[in-house]
Amino acid sequence: TIRESVIKVAADYEAYQLWDQRKEVGNQMQREVNAVLNRTYAECWGLQLLDIALPKAFDQSIVQTQVQNQAISTEKFAQESTQIRAMTSVIESQYEKEIKVITAAGEANYTLITKTAKAFAKKL
């Protein structure tokens, strides 16, 4: 029966896998359900694993593990963001330095050219 095929698939997985690999488990259940339905020329187009009844303590343990994993991922992304901001700041500083050097060189050239032109004009 369909119920037996779903129970059989669920029994092939550890309890935490039902949570971690929900999509894979659902796909396997759908394949098994289709195997049963094909005998009557029927087909299951979609199967969603919506609720998994586990002992409360075990369920809480899985949820806590997932929360910790999310916290670790969040911290990792925060560290990466900080590193990227630091690298961006270094690049920005380098460009600001180049801008100052180029501006100073331009002002120096301007001063030299204008003073040279004025000196030359006074000679005439």
Foldseek 3Di string as FASTA:
>chain_A
DLVVLLVVLVVVDDPLCCVVVVVVSQVSSQVSSQVVCVVVPDHDPGGHDDDDDDPPVVVVVSVVVVVVVVVVVVVVVVVVVVVVVVVVVVVVVVVVVVVVVVVVVVVVVVVVVVVVVVVVVVVD
